[in-house]
Amino acid sequence: MTDTQTRNVLGEPLAGCCDAPVTGFYRDGFCRTGQADIGRHVVCAVVTDDFLEFSARRGNDLSTPHPEFEFPGLKAGDRWCLCAARWAEAQEAGVAPRVALTATHEAALEIIDLADLKAHAIDLS
C-alpha cells in the first residue's frame, strides 16, 4: 500500500506504516500529517520496550490501551507513527527505535536529519 501523492524522506511515494494496529494521525495506516496534526506524527517506527518506557516517563504512555480513542496499546515490535520531536528526544537519550524510511513522511526532515533516520533504518540495504 502506497500513497502516490505524498512523499517519504527518500522523495518516493509514502508507503504504509502499519494497519495492525492501525496507525497514523488519521488512523489510515500512513504517517501522513496536516494542519490538525500538531504533534507531527510522521516517523514510522518499530517500537521497543526501552522506547515505550522512555515515552511513558515523558508523559505519553503508549503501552496502555485506550479503546475510547481506538488505541490498542503498543508492545515491542509494533509499528507506529511517532511524533518527530519525540523520536528526536529518544535519539538524544539513546533509545530511538528503528524506522521505516519508506513509510516516514518527508515532514520529519523539518525536525530530524536524514542521516540520523538512516542510521536507524530497517529498510536500507
C-alpha atoms as a PDB file:
ATOM      1  CA  MET A   1       0.000   0.000   0.000  1.00  0.00           C
ATOM      2  CA  THR A   2       1.421   3.380  -1.051  1.00  0.00           C
ATOM      3  CA  ASP A   3       0.231   6.964  -1.292  1.00  0.00           C
ATOM      4  CA  THR A   4       1.423   8.230  -4.666  1.00  0.00           C
ATOM      5  CA  GLN A   5       0.661  11.871  -3.808  1.00  0.00           C
ATOM      6  CA  THR A   6       2.626  12.041  -0.543  1.00  0.00           C
ATOM      7  CA  ARG A   7       6.418  11.691  -0.295  1.00  0.00           C
ATOM      8  CA  ASN A   8       8.632   9.921   2.194  1.00  0.00           C
ATOM      9  CA  VAL A   9      12.042  11.083   3.440  1.00  0.00           C
ATOM     10  CA  LEU A  10      13.664   9.494   0.377  1.00  0.00           C
ATOM     11  CA  GLY A  11      11.495  11.534  -2.011  1.00  0.00           C
ATOM     12  CA  GLU A  12       9.487   8.487  -3.073  1.00  0.00           C
ATOM     13  CA  PRO A  13       5.754   7.757  -2.661  1.00  0.00           C
ATOM     14  CA  LEU A  14       4.896   7.239   1.017  1.00  0.00           C
ATOM     15  CA  ALA A  15       4.448   3.581   1.943  1.00  0.00           C
ATOM     16  CA  GLY A  16       2.002   2.443   4.597  1.00  0.00           C
ATOM     17  CA  CYS A  17       3.395   2.052   8.106  1.00  0.00           C
ATOM     18  CA  CYS A  18       1.001  -0.380   9.770  1.00  0.00           C
ATOM     19  CA  ASP A  19      -2.597  -1.496   9.739  1.00  0.00           C
ATOM     20  CA  ALA A  20      -2.430  -3.901  12.700  1.00  0.00           C
ATOM     21  CA  PRO A  21      -2.631  -1.891  14.867  1.00  0.00           C
ATOM     22  CA  VAL A  22      -3.924   0.847  12.577  1.00  0.00           C
ATOM     23  CA  THR A  23      -1.586   3.784  12.988  1.00  0.00           C
ATOM     24  CA  GLY A  24      -1.274   7.337  11.767  1.00  0.00           C
ATOM     25  CA  PHE A  25      -2.774  10.600  12.918  1.00  0.00           C
ATOM     26  CA  TYR A  26      -5.685   9.897  10.581  1.00  0.00           C
ATOM     27  CA  ARG A  27      -5.778   6.185  11.538  1.00  0.00           C
ATOM     28  CA  ASP A  28      -5.352   5.106   7.931  1.00  0.00           C
ATOM     29  CA  GLY A  29      -2.082   3.192   8.301  1.00  0.00           C
ATOM     30  CA  PHE A  30       0.049   6.040   6.912  1.00  0.00           C
ATOM     31  CA  CYS A  31       2.267   8.554   8.717  1.00  0.00           C
ATOM     32  CA  ARG A  32       0.566  11.469   6.975  1.00  0.00           C
ATOM     33  CA  THR A  33       0.300  14.910   8.507  1.00  0.00           C
ATOM     34  CA  GLY A  34      -1.794  18.029   8.121  1.00  0.00           C
ATOM     35  CA  GLN A  35      -2.728  21.221   9.930  1.00  0.00           C
ATOM     36  CA  ALA A  36      -4.666  19.366  12.624  1.00  0.00           C
ATOM     37  CA  ASP A  37      -1.633  17.175  13.445  1.00  0.00           C
ATOM     38  CA  ILE A  38       0.148  19.475  15.881  1.00  0.00           C
ATOM     39  CA  GLY A  39       2.424  16.633  17.042  1.00  0.00           C
ATOM     40  CA  ARG A  40       3.616  15.798  13.504  1.00  0.00           C
ATOM     41  CA  HIS A  41       3.078  12.001  13.721  1.00  0.00           C
ATOM     42  CA  VAL A  42       5.356  11.334  10.747  1.00  0.00           C
ATOM     43  CA  VAL A  43       8.037   8.819  11.804  1.00  0.00           C
ATOM     44  CA  CYS A  44       7.181   5.175  11.124  1.00  0.00           C
ATOM     45  CA  ALA A  45       8.955   3.387  13.967  1.00  0.00           C
ATOM     46  CA  VAL A  46       9.239  -0.160  15.243  1.00  0.00           C
ATOM     47  CA  VAL A  47       8.801   0.455  18.950  1.00  0.00           C
ATOM     48  CA  THR A  48      10.941  -1.194  21.608  1.00  0.00           C
ATOM     49  CA  ASP A  49      10.431  -1.724  25.319  1.00  0.00           C
ATOM     50  CA  ASP A  50      13.134   0.884  26.010  1.00  0.00           C
ATOM     51  CA  PHE A  51      11.353   3.446  23.842  1.00  0.00           C
ATOM     52  CA  LEU A  52       7.940   2.675  25.351  1.00  0.00           C
ATOM     53  CA  GLU A  53       9.353   3.137  28.865  1.00  0.00           C
ATOM     54  CA  PHE A  54      11.052   6.387  27.788  1.00  0.00           C
ATOM     55  CA  SER A  55       7.833   7.707  26.250  1.00  0.00           C
ATOM     56  CA  ALA A  56       5.842   6.853  29.391  1.00  0.00           C
ATOM     57  CA  ARG A  57       8.388   8.705  31.530  1.00  0.00           C
ATOM     58  CA  ARG A  58       7.924  11.724  29.226  1.00  0.00           C
ATOM     59  CA  GLY A  59       4.176  11.661  29.827  1.00  0.00           C
ATOM     60  CA  ASN A  60       2.942   9.650  26.838  1.00  0.00           C
ATOM     61  CA  ASP A  61       2.080   6.088  27.853  1.00  0.00           C
ATOM     62  CA  LEU A  62       1.822   4.206  24.576  1.00  0.00           C
ATOM     63  CA  SER A  63       1.517   0.770  26.206  1.00  0.00           C
ATOM     64  CA  THR A  64      -1.859   1.159  27.907  1.00  0.00           C
ATOM     65  CA  PRO A  65      -4.907   0.519  25.689  1.00  0.00           C
ATOM     66  CA  HIS A  66      -7.460   3.329  25.303  1.00  0.00           C
ATOM     67  CA  PRO A  67     -10.405   1.824  23.405  1.00  0.00           C
ATOM     68  CA  GLU A  68     -12.301   5.108  23.603  1.00  0.00           C
ATOM     69  CA  PHE A  69      -9.657   6.525  21.226  1.00  0.00           C
ATOM     70  CA  GLU A  70      -9.384   3.314  19.169  1.00  0.00           C
ATOM     71  CA  PHE A  71      -5.894   2.826  20.635  1.00  0.00           C
ATOM     72  CA  PRO A  72      -4.963  -0.790  21.399  1.00  0.00           C
ATOM     73  CA  GLY A  73      -1.773  -0.077  23.350  1.00  0.00           C
ATOM     74  CA  LEU A  74       1.609  -0.917  21.867  1.00  0.00           C
ATOM     75  CA  LYS A  75       4.119  -3.653  22.556  1.00  0.00           C
ATOM     76  CA  ALA A  76       7.702  -4.068  21.396  1.00  0.00           C
ATOM     77  CA  GLY A  77       7.808  -4.880  17.702  1.00  0.00           C
ATOM     78  CA  ASP A  78       4.690  -2.901  16.772  1.00  0.00           C
ATOM     79  CA  ARG A  79       4.995  -0.249  14.070  1.00  0.00           C
ATOM     80  CA  TRP A  80       3.598   3.155  14.955  1.00  0.00           C
ATOM     81  CA  CYS A  81       3.648   6.700  13.591  1.00  0.00           C
ATOM     82  CA  LEU A  82       5.580   8.672  16.195  1.00  0.00           C
ATOM     83  CA  CYS A  83       5.845  12.411  16.678  1.00  0.00           C
ATOM     84  CA  ALA A  84       9.076  13.577  15.056  1.00  0.00           C
ATOM     85  CA  ALA A  85      10.071  15.619  18.111  1.00  0.00           C
ATOM     86  CA  ARG A  86       9.578  12.619  20.456  1.00  0.00           C
ATOM     87  CA  TRP A  87      11.700  10.424  18.181  1.00  0.00           C
ATOM     88  CA  ALA A  88      14.421  13.111  18.239  1.00  0.00           C
ATOM     89  CA  GLU A  89      14.236  13.237  22.066  1.00  0.00           C
ATOM     90  CA  ALA A  90      14.545   9.462  22.183  1.00  0.00           C
ATOM     91  CA  GLN A  91      17.561   9.613  19.901  1.00  0.00           C
ATOM     92  CA  GLU A  92      19.264  12.100  22.227  1.00  0.00           C
ATOM     93  CA  ALA A  93      18.503   9.746  25.131  1.00  0.00           C
ATOM     94  CA  GLY A  94      19.921   6.748  23.246  1.00  0.00           C
ATOM     95  CA  VAL A  95      16.601   4.877  22.951  1.00  0.00           C
ATOM     96  CA  ALA A  96      15.368   5.852  19.475  1.00  0.00           C
ATOM     97  CA  PRO A  97      13.525   2.995  17.808  1.00  0.00           C
ATOM     98  CA  ARG A  98      14.313   1.765  14.298  1.00  0.00           C
ATOM     99  CA  VAL A  99      12.424   3.447  11.470  1.00  0.00           C
ATOM    100  CA  ALA A 100      10.935   2.501   8.119  1.00  0.00           C
ATOM    101  CA  LEU A 101      12.204   5.255   5.816  1.00  0.00           C
ATOM    102  CA  THR A 102       9.791   4.367   3.029  1.00  0.00           C
ATOM    103  CA  ALA A 103       6.880   4.960   5.434  1.00  0.00           C
ATOM    104  CA  THR A 104       8.303   8.060   7.182  1.00  0.00           C
ATOM    105  CA  HIS A 105       6.774  11.282   5.863  1.00  0.00           C
ATOM    106  CA  GLU A 106       9.102  13.909   4.386  1.00  0.00           C
ATOM    107  CA  ALA A 107       7.917  16.386   7.054  1.00  0.00           C
ATOM    108  CA  ALA A 108      10.140  14.501   9.517  1.00  0.00           C
ATOM    109  CA  LEU A 109      13.111  16.204   7.849  1.00  0.00           C
ATOM    110  CA  GLU A 110      11.962  19.533   9.294  1.00  0.00           C
ATOM    111  CA  ILE A 111      12.982  18.183  12.723  1.00  0.00           C
ATOM    112  CA  ILE A 112      15.329  15.225  12.144  1.00  0.00           C
ATOM    113  CA  ASP A 113      18.388  14.914   9.906  1.00  0.00           C
ATOM    114  CA  LEU A 114      18.107  12.273   7.202  1.00  0.00           C
ATOM    115  CA  ALA A 115      21.457  10.834   8.294  1.00  0.00           C
ATOM    116  CA  ASP A 116      20.044  10.176  11.778  1.00  0.00           C
ATOM    117  CA  LEU A 117      16.990   8.449  10.324  1.00  0.00           C
ATOM    118  CA  LYS A 118      19.169   6.375   8.010  1.00  0.00           C
ATOM    119  CA  ALA A 119      21.303   5.295  10.963  1.00  0.00           C
ATOM    120  CA  HIS A 120      18.139   3.746  12.460  1.00  0.00           C
ATOM    121  CA  ALA A 121      16.617   2.443   9.226  1.00  0.00           C
ATOM    122  CA  ILE A 122      15.176  -1.033   8.859  1.00  0.00           C
ATOM    123  CA  ASP A 123      14.742  -0.679   5.108  1.00  0.00           C
ATOM    124  CA  LEU A 124      18.181   0.246   3.769  1.00  0.00           C
ATOM    125  CA  SER A 125      20.351  -2.454   2.270  1.00  0.00           C
END
